[in-house]
Amino acid sequence: MSVRQSLLAILDQGPCYGYQLRAEFDRRTGSTWPLNVGQIYNTLERLERDGLVERGDADEQGHVYWVITDAGSAEVAGWLSSPVERGAGTRDELAIKLAVAATLPGVDVTSVIQAQRRASLSRMQELQRATYAGADPDGPEELAWTLMIDSLIFAAEAELRWLDHTERRLATRPRHARELELSADRPKRGRPTKSAATTGAPPAV
């Protein structure tokens, strides 16, 4: 959703064409989250479908300018005034990998953690050494870049702390108390209904 809302927020400043939107998004995110042009236009078409933007006039080079609607401006205002909601069931690849690895018989999960720690530490150090390459070291683009880099550094630090915590927690569990053999139970066919998936009720068959 952040790409959709960010493009809307940029259009709230004035009409833009596709490549221009990509450049403006890069400027405001420190070029740390590149978008391809296809993603830009797919998002614009969905925004048009939802009545949040309209196609405007084309310039002499054939660039079609997109214009935000009143409904689009209202959505931007709502986005900026609302907190970001973190999903309770976010699928984090690393968390899933370690949870599965910890329960697999015969897997040295400590080695898995150590390999990830080395990679995460290297990534954090790389981010800490990064320097802004723009022309104005005190301008708004430098500020946007710094905010994005700071966010990535804090995320890397949190990941390292979580890896340390996970390693300590696993060390308190003997192997037999965490490894899962394949279950002999054979689940019935069919997917759980939505209510069952969210409430813990037995699945429909």
Protein backbone atom coordinates (compact mmCIF):
# COMPACT_ATOMS: atom_id res chain seq x y z
CA MET A 1 0.00 0.00 0.00
CA SER A 2 2.85 2.46 0.65
CA VAL A 3 3.75 2.72 -3.05
CA ARG A 4 0.15 3.47 -3.99
CA GLN A 5 -0.23 6.06 -1.26
CA SER A 6 3.18 7.60 -1.90
CA LEU A 7 2.44 8.11 -5.60
CA LEU A 8 -0.89 9.68 -4.67
CA ALA A 9 0.85 12.01 -2.21
CA ILE A 10 3.29 13.12 -4.92
CA LEU A 11 0.44 13.74 -7.35
CA ASP A 12 -1.24 15.82 -4.65
CA GLN A 13 1.60 18.31 -5.23
CA GLY A 14 0.82 18.56 -8.94
CA PRO A 15 0.30 16.56 -12.16
CA CYS A 16 3.11 14.18 -13.16
CA TYR A 17 3.77 11.63 -15.89
CA GLY A 18 5.01 8.10 -15.21
CA TYR A 19 8.78 8.52 -15.42
CA GLN A 20 8.50 11.76 -13.50
CA LEU A 21 6.66 9.97 -10.71
CA ARG A 22 9.40 7.36 -10.53
CA ALA A 23 12.06 10.07 -10.25
CA GLU A 24 10.10 11.92 -7.57
CA PHE A 25 9.58 8.71 -5.59
CA ASP A 26 13.35 8.05 -5.76
CA ARG A 27 14.11 11.56 -4.53
CA ARG A 28 11.83 11.14 -1.54
CA THR A 29 13.01 7.67 -0.52
CA GLY A 30 16.77 8.14 -0.97
CA SER A 31 16.74 5.80 -4.01
CA THR A 32 16.71 2.89 -1.54
CA TRP A 33 13.48 1.38 -2.90
CA PRO A 34 13.62 1.54 -6.72
CA LEU A 35 10.41 1.15 -8.71
CA ASN A 36 10.21 0.03 -12.31
CA VAL A 37 8.08 1.96 -14.75
CA GLY A 38 5.71 -0.97 -15.24
CA GLN A 39 4.90 -0.92 -11.52
CA ILE A 40 4.25 2.82 -11.73
CA TYR A 41 1.79 2.51 -14.59
CA ASN A 42 0.04 -0.53 -13.12
CA THR A 43 -0.48 1.44 -9.91
CA LEU A 44 -1.73 4.48 -11.82
CA GLU A 45 -4.26 2.36 -13.70
CA ARG A 46 -5.58 0.93 -10.43
CA LEU A 47 -5.79 4.42 -8.95
CA GLU A 48 -7.71 5.56 -12.04
CA ARG A 49 -10.06 2.58 -11.70
CA ASP A 50 -10.71 3.57 -8.09
CA GLY A 51 -11.48 7.18 -9.05
CA LEU A 52 -8.42 8.62 -7.28
CA VAL A 53 -6.58 9.94 -10.35
CA GLU A 54 -7.46 10.95 -13.89
CA ARG A 55 -5.52 11.10 -17.13
CA GLY A 56 -4.72 14.66 -18.05
CA ASP A 57 -3.21 16.28 -21.13
CA ALA A 58 -0.09 15.08 -22.92
CA ASP A 59 2.92 17.34 -23.54
CA GLU A 60 4.83 17.78 -26.79
CA GLN A 61 6.91 14.67 -26.08
CA GLY A 62 3.78 12.56 -25.63
CA HIS A 63 4.01 12.29 -21.83
CA VAL A 64 0.55 11.81 -20.38
CA TYR A 65 0.12 13.71 -17.12
CA TRP A 66 -1.87 12.17 -14.30
CA VAL A 67 -4.02 14.39 -12.10
CA ILE A 68 -5.27 13.60 -8.62
CA THR A 69 -9.01 13.83 -7.91
CA ASP A 70 -10.70 15.22 -4.81
CA ALA A 71 -11.19 11.64 -3.61
CA GLY A 72 -7.47 11.03 -4.13
CA SER A 73 -6.54 14.11 -2.09
CA ALA A 74 -8.84 12.94 0.69
CA GLU A 75 -7.13 9.53 0.67
CA VAL A 76 -3.71 11.17 0.95
CA ALA A 77 -4.89 13.22 3.92
CA GLY A 78 -6.23 10.08 5.60
CA TRP A 79 -3.00 8.17 4.94
CA LEU A 80 -0.80 10.89 6.39
CA SER A 81 -2.95 11.25 9.51
CA SER A 82 -3.23 7.50 10.23
CA PRO A 83 -0.66 5.20 11.85
CA VAL A 84 0.81 2.32 9.87
CA GLU A 85 -0.85 -0.89 11.02
CA ARG A 86 1.48 -3.86 11.32
CA GLY A 87 -0.24 -7.11 10.41
CA ALA A 88 -0.37 -9.65 13.22
CA GLY A 89 0.43 -12.47 10.82
CA THR A 90 3.31 -10.93 8.89
CA ARG A 91 5.26 -13.65 7.08
CA ASP A 92 8.88 -12.90 7.83
CA GLU A 93 11.07 -15.29 5.84
CA LEU A 94 13.86 -15.42 8.43
CA ALA A 95 11.48 -16.09 11.33
CA ILE A 96 9.77 -18.87 9.39
CA LYS A 97 13.12 -20.37 8.34
CA LEU A 98 14.44 -20.53 11.91
CA ALA A 99 11.15 -21.78 13.36
CA VAL A 100 11.11 -24.63 10.84
CA ALA A 101 14.84 -25.34 11.18
CA ALA A 102 14.58 -25.50 14.97
CA THR A 103 11.98 -28.28 14.76
CA LEU A 104 13.68 -30.40 12.09
CA PRO A 105 15.48 -33.45 13.45
CA GLY A 106 19.17 -33.54 12.60
CA VAL A 107 19.48 -29.86 11.66
CA ASP A 108 22.19 -27.81 13.39
CA VAL A 109 20.09 -24.70 13.91
CA THR A 110 22.99 -22.95 15.66
CA SER A 111 24.92 -23.04 12.39
CA VAL A 112 21.89 -21.60 10.60
CA ILE A 113 21.75 -18.74 13.11
CA GLN A 114 25.48 -18.07 12.88
CA ALA A 115 25.40 -17.90 9.09
CA GLN A 116 22.53 -15.43 9.25
CA ARG A 117 24.28 -13.39 11.95
CA ARG A 118 27.37 -13.00 9.76
CA ALA A 119 25.26 -11.85 6.83
CA SER A 120 23.16 -9.48 8.94
CA LEU A 121 26.24 -7.99 10.62
CA SER A 122 27.91 -7.46 7.25
CA ARG A 123 24.77 -5.75 5.95
CA MET A 124 24.56 -3.47 8.98
CA GLN A 125 28.22 -2.47 8.68
CA GLU A 126 27.75 -1.76 4.99
CA LEU A 127 24.82 0.52 5.79
CA GLN A 128 26.78 2.29 8.52
CA ARG A 129 29.58 3.04 6.04
CA ALA A 130 27.21 4.38 3.40
CA THR A 131 27.55 8.06 2.53
CA TYR A 132 25.22 10.34 0.65
CA ALA A 133 26.36 10.91 -2.93
CA GLY A 134 24.06 13.80 -3.83
CA ALA A 135 25.06 17.36 -4.58
CA ASP A 136 23.54 19.04 -1.52
CA PRO A 137 24.62 17.40 1.77
CA ASP A 138 22.14 19.53 3.76
CA GLY A 139 19.16 19.42 1.40
CA PRO A 140 15.81 17.63 1.61
CA GLU A 141 16.97 14.75 -0.60
CA GLU A 142 19.84 14.05 1.81
CA LEU A 143 17.33 14.08 4.67
CA ALA A 144 15.11 11.53 2.89
CA TRP A 145 18.15 9.32 2.19
CA THR A 146 19.29 9.52 5.82
CA LEU A 147 15.85 8.59 7.15
CA MET A 148 15.73 5.52 4.92
CA ILE A 149 19.27 4.42 5.80
CA ASP A 150 18.62 4.94 9.51
CA SER A 151 15.52 2.76 9.24
CA LEU A 152 17.51 -0.03 7.58
CA ILE A 153 20.27 0.20 10.21
CA PHE A 154 17.78 0.00 13.08
CA ALA A 155 16.09 -2.99 11.40
CA ALA A 156 19.46 -4.74 11.02
CA GLU A 157 20.31 -4.06 14.67
CA ALA A 158 16.94 -5.46 15.76
CA GLU A 159 17.50 -8.55 13.62
CA LEU A 160 20.88 -9.17 15.27
CA ARG A 161 19.35 -8.80 18.74
CA TRP A 162 16.59 -11.22 17.80
CA LEU A 163 19.13 -13.76 16.52
CA ASP A 164 21.03 -13.54 19.83
CA HIS A 165 17.77 -13.98 21.74
CA THR A 166 16.78 -16.95 19.58
CA GLU A 167 20.14 -18.65 20.08
CA ARG A 168 19.89 -18.23 23.88
CA ARG A 169 16.33 -19.51 23.90
CA LEU A 170 17.18 -22.60 21.88
CA ALA A 171 20.13 -23.31 24.18
CA THR A 172 17.69 -23.79 27.06
CA ARG A 173 15.75 -26.47 25.18
CA PRO A 174 17.16 -29.97 24.87
CA ARG A 175 16.98 -31.32 21.34
CA HIS A 176 14.21 -33.82 22.13
CA ALA A 177 12.03 -30.98 23.48
CA ARG A 178 11.97 -29.02 20.23
CA GLU A 179 12.34 -31.44 17.33
CA LEU A 180 9.20 -32.64 15.57
CA GLU A 181 8.97 -35.94 13.75
CA LEU A 182 6.44 -36.21 10.93
CA SER A 183 3.00 -36.68 12.41
CA ALA A 184 1.24 -39.96 11.91
CA ASP A 185 -2.08 -38.12 11.77
CA ARG A 186 -3.43 -37.65 8.27
CA PRO A 187 -5.30 -34.36 7.92
CA LYS A 188 -8.60 -34.39 6.10
CA ARG A 189 -8.88 -32.71 2.75
CA GLY A 190 -10.34 -29.25 2.44
CA ARG A 191 -9.38 -25.78 3.53
CA PRO A 192 -10.54 -24.15 6.75
CA THR A 193 -13.23 -21.53 6.38
CA LYS A 194 -12.26 -17.95 6.99
CA SER A 195 -13.86 -17.95 10.42
CA ALA A 196 -12.07 -21.16 11.35
CA ALA A 197 -8.72 -19.79 10.23
CA THR A 198 -9.12 -16.70 12.36
CA THR A 199 -10.90 -18.10 15.40
CA GLY A 200 -9.24 -21.48 15.74
CA ALA A 201 -12.45 -23.42 15.03
CA PRO A 202 -12.03 -26.86 13.44
CA PRO A 203 -11.62 -26.83 9.64
CA ALA A 204 -14.45 -27.58 7.29
CA VAL A 205 -14.08 -30.81 5.33
